Each structure stands twice: as structure tokens, then as C-alpha cells.
Protein backbone atom coordinates (compact mmCIF):
# COMPACT_ATOMS: atom_id res chain seq x y z
CA MET A 1 241.04 90.31 81.72
CA LYS A 2 239.35 93.21 79.98
CA PRO A 3 242.61 95.18 79.40
CA LEU A 4 244.08 92.21 77.52
CA LYS A 5 240.90 91.84 75.45
CA THR A 6 241.10 95.51 74.51
CA LEU A 7 244.80 95.15 73.68
CA VAL A 8 244.06 92.26 71.31
CA LEU A 9 241.22 94.26 69.72
CA ALA A 10 243.56 97.18 69.16
CA ALA A 11 246.16 94.87 67.65
CA CYS A 12 243.64 93.51 65.16
CA LEU A 13 242.51 96.97 64.15
CA VAL A 14 245.87 98.69 63.66
CA GLY A 15 245.41 101.14 60.79
CA ALA A 16 247.55 102.62 58.05
CA VAL A 17 251.32 102.28 58.37
CA THR A 18 253.51 105.39 58.52
CA SER A 19 256.95 104.88 57.02
CA LEU A 20 260.05 105.78 58.98
CA ALA A 21 262.84 106.93 56.68
CA GLY A 22 266.29 105.59 57.52
CA ALA A 23 267.47 103.81 60.64
CA LYS A 24 265.81 106.33 62.92
CA ASP A 25 264.81 106.12 66.55
CA VAL A 26 261.20 104.96 66.91
CA LYS A 27 259.29 106.07 69.99
CA THR A 28 257.96 103.23 72.16
CA LEU A 29 256.53 102.89 75.64
CA ALA A 30 259.95 102.29 77.23
CA GLY A 31 261.84 104.88 75.21
CA THR A 32 263.19 104.95 71.68
CA MET A 33 264.43 101.98 69.67
CA THR A 34 266.35 101.84 66.41
CA VAL A 35 265.09 99.80 63.45
CA PRO A 36 266.63 99.19 60.00
CA ASN A 37 265.65 101.46 57.13
CA ILE A 38 263.65 98.63 55.52
CA VAL A 39 261.36 98.40 58.55
CA THR A 40 258.24 100.46 59.24
CA VAL A 41 256.51 100.70 62.61
CA THR A 42 253.01 101.79 63.58
CA SER A 43 251.74 102.48 67.07
CA ALA A 44 248.08 101.59 67.59
CA ALA A 45 247.81 104.65 69.85
CA ASN A 46 248.63 106.88 66.85
CA THR A 47 245.99 105.50 64.51
CA ASN A 48 242.37 106.56 64.05
CA THR A 49 241.21 103.17 65.28
CA VAL A 50 241.31 104.09 68.97
CA GLY A 51 239.18 107.19 68.40
CA ILE A 52 236.68 105.21 66.33
CA ILE A 53 236.26 102.58 69.05
CA LYS A 54 235.87 105.27 71.70
CA ASP A 55 233.16 107.03 69.67
CA ILE A 56 231.25 103.74 69.30
CA LEU A 57 231.39 103.07 73.04
CA ILE A 58 230.39 106.64 73.96
CA LYS A 59 227.43 106.59 71.56
CA ASP A 60 226.40 103.20 72.94
CA ASN A 61 226.36 104.68 76.45
CA THR A 62 223.97 107.44 75.36
CA LYS A 63 221.26 104.98 74.32
CA PRO A 64 218.28 105.29 76.69
CA ASN A 65 217.70 101.54 76.89
CA ILE A 66 221.29 100.53 77.69
CA ASN A 67 221.53 98.31 80.76
CA LYS A 68 223.79 98.95 83.73
CA LEU A 69 226.21 96.09 83.06
CA THR A 70 226.76 97.15 79.46
CA ARG A 71 227.38 100.75 80.47
CA GLN A 72 229.83 99.61 83.14
CA SER A 73 231.66 97.40 80.63
CA ASN A 74 231.83 100.28 78.12
CA ASP A 75 233.20 102.63 80.79
CA GLU A 76 235.89 100.11 81.72
CA ALA A 77 236.85 99.66 78.06
CA LEU A 78 237.06 103.45 77.63
CA ALA A 79 239.32 103.71 80.68
CA VAL A 80 241.61 101.04 79.21
CA LEU A 81 241.70 102.74 75.80
CA ASP A 82 242.63 106.03 77.48
CA GLN A 83 245.80 104.31 78.71
CA MET A 84 246.90 103.17 75.25
CA GLY A 85 250.23 104.77 74.48
CA ILE A 86 250.71 105.51 78.19
CA SER A 87 250.67 102.24 80.14
CA TYR A 88 250.48 99.87 77.17
CA ASP A 89 250.63 99.93 73.39
CA VAL A 90 250.61 97.67 70.35
CA TYR A 91 252.89 98.13 67.35
CA GLN A 92 252.72 96.72 63.87
CA ILE A 93 256.16 96.01 62.38
CA GLN A 94 256.59 95.58 58.65
CA GLY A 95 259.76 94.88 56.71
CA GLU A 96 260.70 93.97 53.19
CA ASP A 97 263.34 91.81 51.55
CA LYS A 98 263.72 90.12 48.16
CA THR A 99 260.99 87.61 49.01
CA GLY A 100 258.35 90.24 49.79
CA GLN A 101 256.76 91.94 52.78
CA LYS A 102 257.11 90.64 56.33
CA ASP A 103 254.79 91.36 59.29
CA ALA A 104 255.11 91.12 63.06
CA LEU A 105 253.21 92.33 66.10
CA LEU A 106 254.81 93.92 69.16
CA ALA A 107 252.93 94.51 72.42
CA ALA A 108 254.32 96.59 75.28
CA VAL A 109 253.08 96.81 78.88
CA ASP A 110 254.24 99.13 81.65
CA LEU A 111 254.79 96.58 84.43
CA LYS A 112 254.82 99.14 87.23
CA THR A 113 251.33 100.35 86.35
CA ALA A 114 250.06 96.82 85.70
CA ALA A 115 251.40 95.43 88.99
CA ASN A 116 250.01 98.28 91.08
CA ALA A 117 246.63 97.87 89.38
CA LEU A 118 246.57 94.11 89.99
CA PHE A 119 247.61 94.38 93.62
CA GLU A 120 245.58 97.26 95.02
CA ASN A 121 246.55 96.25 98.55
CA PRO A 122 250.20 95.17 98.23
CA LYS A 123 250.76 95.25 102.00
CA GLY A 124 248.26 92.41 102.28
CA ASN A 125 250.31 90.34 99.82
CA ALA A 126 253.79 90.14 101.32
CA PRO A 127 255.40 87.97 98.57
CA ILE A 128 254.67 90.63 95.96
CA LEU A 129 256.32 93.48 97.88
CA PRO A 130 259.90 92.77 96.67
CA VAL A 131 258.64 92.62 93.05
CA LEU A 132 256.83 95.95 93.41
CA ALA A 133 259.94 97.49 94.97
CA ILE A 134 262.03 96.42 91.97
CA LEU A 135 259.44 97.74 89.49
CA ASN A 136 259.02 101.03 91.34
CA THR A 137 262.78 101.71 91.25
CA GLY A 138 263.64 99.96 88.00
CA LYS A 139 266.67 98.46 89.76
CA MET A 140 267.64 94.89 90.52
CA ASP A 141 270.66 93.91 92.63
CA PRO A 142 273.01 91.24 91.22
CA ILE A 143 271.79 88.52 93.60
CA THR A 144 268.11 89.10 92.73
CA GLU A 145 269.00 89.29 89.05
CA GLN A 146 270.80 85.94 89.14
CA LEU A 147 267.95 84.39 91.13
CA MET A 148 265.44 85.58 88.50
CA LEU A 149 267.51 84.19 85.62
CA THR A 150 268.07 80.86 87.37
CA THR A 151 264.41 80.48 88.38
CA VAL A 152 263.08 81.30 84.91
CA ASN A 153 265.60 79.12 83.08
CA ASN A 154 264.94 76.16 85.37
CA ALA A 155 261.22 76.49 84.58
CA LEU A 156 261.66 76.75 80.80
CA PRO A 157 261.30 73.49 78.81
CA LYS A 158 264.65 72.13 77.67
CA GLU A 159 263.06 70.09 74.87
CA THR A 160 259.93 70.11 72.74
CA LYS A 161 256.89 70.08 75.00
CA THR A 162 253.16 70.03 74.26
CA PHE A 163 250.49 71.48 76.55
CA THR A 164 246.80 70.60 76.23
CA LEU A 165 244.31 73.42 76.75
CA ALA A 166 241.10 71.94 78.08
CA ASP A 167 238.22 74.40 77.86
CA LYS A 168 236.20 73.58 80.95
CA ASN A 169 233.84 76.49 80.37
CA ILE A 170 231.96 74.81 77.50
CA PRO A 171 228.83 73.05 78.88
CA GLY A 172 228.60 69.41 77.83
CA SER A 173 232.21 69.27 76.66
CA VAL A 174 234.30 66.46 78.15
CA TYR A 175 237.95 65.71 77.45
CA VAL A 176 238.73 62.01 77.23
CA LYS A 177 241.98 61.17 78.95
CA ALA A 178 244.07 58.14 77.97
CA GLY A 179 247.03 57.95 80.32
CA ASN A 180 248.55 61.43 80.23
CA ASP A 181 247.10 62.23 76.83
CA TYR A 182 243.82 64.04 76.22
CA SER A 183 242.99 62.31 72.96
CA ALA A 184 239.61 63.80 72.12
CA ALA A 185 236.74 65.96 73.25
CA VAL A 186 233.09 65.03 73.20
CA GLY A 187 230.80 67.92 72.27
CA VAL A 188 227.22 68.66 73.22
CA VAL A 189 225.83 66.48 70.41
CA GLY A 190 228.47 63.79 70.74
CA GLU A 191 230.80 65.31 68.16
CA ARG A 192 234.42 64.28 68.68
CA LYS A 193 237.16 66.82 68.15
CA ALA A 194 240.79 67.14 69.09
CA PRO A 195 241.53 69.51 71.96
CA THR A 196 243.61 72.63 71.43
CA THR A 197 247.31 72.11 72.09
CA VAL A 198 250.30 74.42 72.29
CA THR A 199 253.74 73.05 71.49
CA VAL A 200 256.93 74.94 72.34
CA GLU A 201 260.30 74.04 70.91
CA ASN A 202 263.78 75.51 70.47
CA THR A 203 263.13 77.60 73.57
CA GLU A 204 265.89 80.14 74.15
CA MET A 205 267.13 80.58 77.70
CA MET A 206 266.50 83.93 79.38
CA GLU A 207 269.65 86.03 79.25
CA LYS A 208 270.81 89.53 80.02
CA MET A 209 271.75 91.54 76.94
CA ASN A 210 275.12 93.30 76.77
CA ASN A 211 275.75 96.92 75.80
CA THR A 212 272.31 98.27 76.69
CA LYS A 213 271.42 101.55 78.40
CA TYR A 214 268.96 99.80 80.70
CA PRO A 215 269.16 96.26 82.11
CA THR A 216 267.41 94.16 79.45
CA TYR A 217 266.53 90.47 79.58
CA THR A 218 265.24 88.41 76.66
CA VAL A 219 263.74 84.98 76.06
CA GLY A 220 262.22 83.42 72.95
CA THR A 221 260.58 80.28 71.62
CA ARG A 222 258.87 78.69 68.63
CA VAL A 223 255.20 78.04 69.28
CA LEU A 224 252.82 75.72 67.42
CA LEU A 225 249.13 76.25 68.11
CA ASP A 226 246.98 73.29 67.04
CA THR A 227 243.23 73.88 67.23
CA GLU A 228 240.82 71.35 65.75
CA GLY A 229 243.47 70.10 63.36
CA LEU A 230 244.49 73.57 62.14
CA LYS A 231 248.13 74.35 62.90
CA PHE A 232 249.47 77.88 63.39
CA PRO A 233 253.27 78.08 63.76
CA TYR A 234 254.64 81.23 65.45
CA TYR A 235 257.83 82.64 66.87
CA ALA A 236 257.62 84.69 70.09
CA LYS A 237 260.31 86.89 71.62
CA ALA A 238 259.92 88.64 74.97
CA ALA A 239 262.09 91.36 76.45
CA LEU A 240 262.05 92.91 79.92
CA VAL A 241 263.52 96.42 79.77
CA MET A 242 264.15 97.85 83.24
CA THR A 243 263.81 101.59 82.65
CA PRO A 244 263.65 103.51 85.97
CA GLU A 245 260.42 105.37 85.17
CA LYS A 246 258.60 102.68 83.21
CA PRO A 247 259.94 99.10 83.37
CA THR A 248 258.39 97.54 80.29
CA LEU A 249 257.64 94.04 79.08
CA PHE A 250 257.71 93.66 75.29
CA LEU A 251 256.25 90.64 73.50
CA ALA A 252 256.98 90.25 69.79
CA LEU A 253 255.07 87.72 67.68
CA THR A 254 255.52 86.69 64.07
CA SER A 255 254.89 83.62 61.94
CA ASP A 256 257.51 80.89 62.18
CA VAL A 257 258.29 81.19 58.48
CA GLN A 258 259.38 84.81 59.12
CA ARG A 259 261.39 83.91 62.23
CA GLN A 260 264.83 84.13 60.64
CA TYR A 261 264.01 87.55 59.18
CA PHE A 262 262.76 89.11 62.42
CA MET A 263 265.05 87.46 65.02
CA PRO A 264 268.01 89.85 64.45
CA ILE A 265 265.64 92.82 64.09
CA PHE A 266 263.99 92.07 67.45
CA THR A 267 267.38 91.55 69.14
CA GLU A 268 268.90 94.80 67.91
CA ALA A 269 265.70 96.78 68.55
CA PHE A 270 265.52 95.66 72.19
CA LYS A 271 269.23 96.28 72.66
CA SER A 272 268.97 99.82 71.28
CA ILE A 273 266.24 101.12 73.64
CA LYS A 274 267.29 104.34 75.31
């Protein structure tokens, strides 16, 4: 999806960090959150990066030889960038302790806007109507809430589990299956390589947080991405904050080695949103 591609681009290009003195409230998509005085936060929407990207796309559209598809793609990207800080945003989180500087990424998406954009004709998709009703009001009755928690927790892996990502879009690439294991891939010139895998472990069950202004639900897991023998260990923490005007999904990501540092920071930040 183009909005997600733009979001990732913005995350990679987050600019200079502005320090926040003291444990002050930091403005986010869902409201304000409190962070420790050793933590600094930057919103991608407040950096020069967004303006720079927009200028590049606008100038590209003025070229006389630009084709229709490129212009259309640029216009769509501009429309998505216009919504940064409104319907989605990306934040860089930095903290320090005696071992040095720590870094994490936090993405936020307004679920009401996203759902209405994805389902332009909700009446033609009956199963989605109850979800849209919840998002439009920001309210969930106790029965629906318990059903959501039970359904999600039943689907979450209870032990370490590895998923193989087979890229079927690469011409000439074939994954060799031995039993239930994709052991190798054969490239265009016969080159063998291991497929990309994602391993999740120590998955935390989804739970409702106590002492929050808005109903808030969190879930987290350790993630190991293995691509062509290169391993990238991460820790991911998601939070669903049901604000009436803008129910928001947050996704925090940091390296696994920084997990212990950021886990309490993420928890308290999500709990403090008001």
C-alpha cells in the first residue's frame, strides 16, 4: 500500500531531534503522552523532511515529459504526505542511560480514517460494519471487548514460532519444500539461498491497561528477522488507544538489545495518553 510505503520513507528520513525538557506531555496523534526527562521525541510531521519530499514530487510533476502514471503516483504520495500529523505520524524516540544512547521508532495510525478509506462502501461489507461503528464512536461494550481479547489471544503464538516468507513475485525463484520446511530457494541462475523467515517469541498476551483515561489495549513480542543468513532481532509493542475522536493504533519498534530499556517507557507512555 502506498500510504505504508510513504510512512516507512518518512520514518527513515526523520530529521533533527528536538529535546523535551523534563517529564513533559508530548503531543501525539491520539493526544498527549508523558515521557521521562531522559527521553527525547521527534515527530516526522514537524521536521523539514516532509516539505523536502513534497518539493521534489511537485517539481517532478512540472516536467514536460512526465508520464501519466508517474504524475498519478506523485499526486497520491502528496495526498498521503498531507495527512502526516493528521491521520498518521512517525516518531523517533531517543533515550540515554549509563551505557549510551538508545533509539526506537513509534508509528501511529488513526484507525477511523484508515478503515473508512479502506472500505469506501461499508454497507456492501456487512462484517465490517460493527468494527466501523466501534471506531466511529471510540466505544466498546464489555462483551465486545472480552470477545476481542479472547479472539486475539487465542490467535497469538503461545511458544516460539517461525514463519517463512516466500516471495512469489520474483520470476524464476522457486522455494524448495521438504516436509513443512522451506529449506532453500533457487534463483534465476540456479543460486541457492535461504528464504526470509520471521520468528516470534516471548509473545505477550493482549491485555487492557489499568488507570488510563481512554480504554487502552497492548500486546508485544520479540521478533527475529532472518534474511539470507543475516539476523535482525527486534522488540515490537503495539497499543490500541480508543480515543472518541481518533482511535489510534501505535506500533513501537526497537532492537532486542534495547528491549529492557524501552519496555517500561513504552508501557508508561501508552498508559499516560490523555
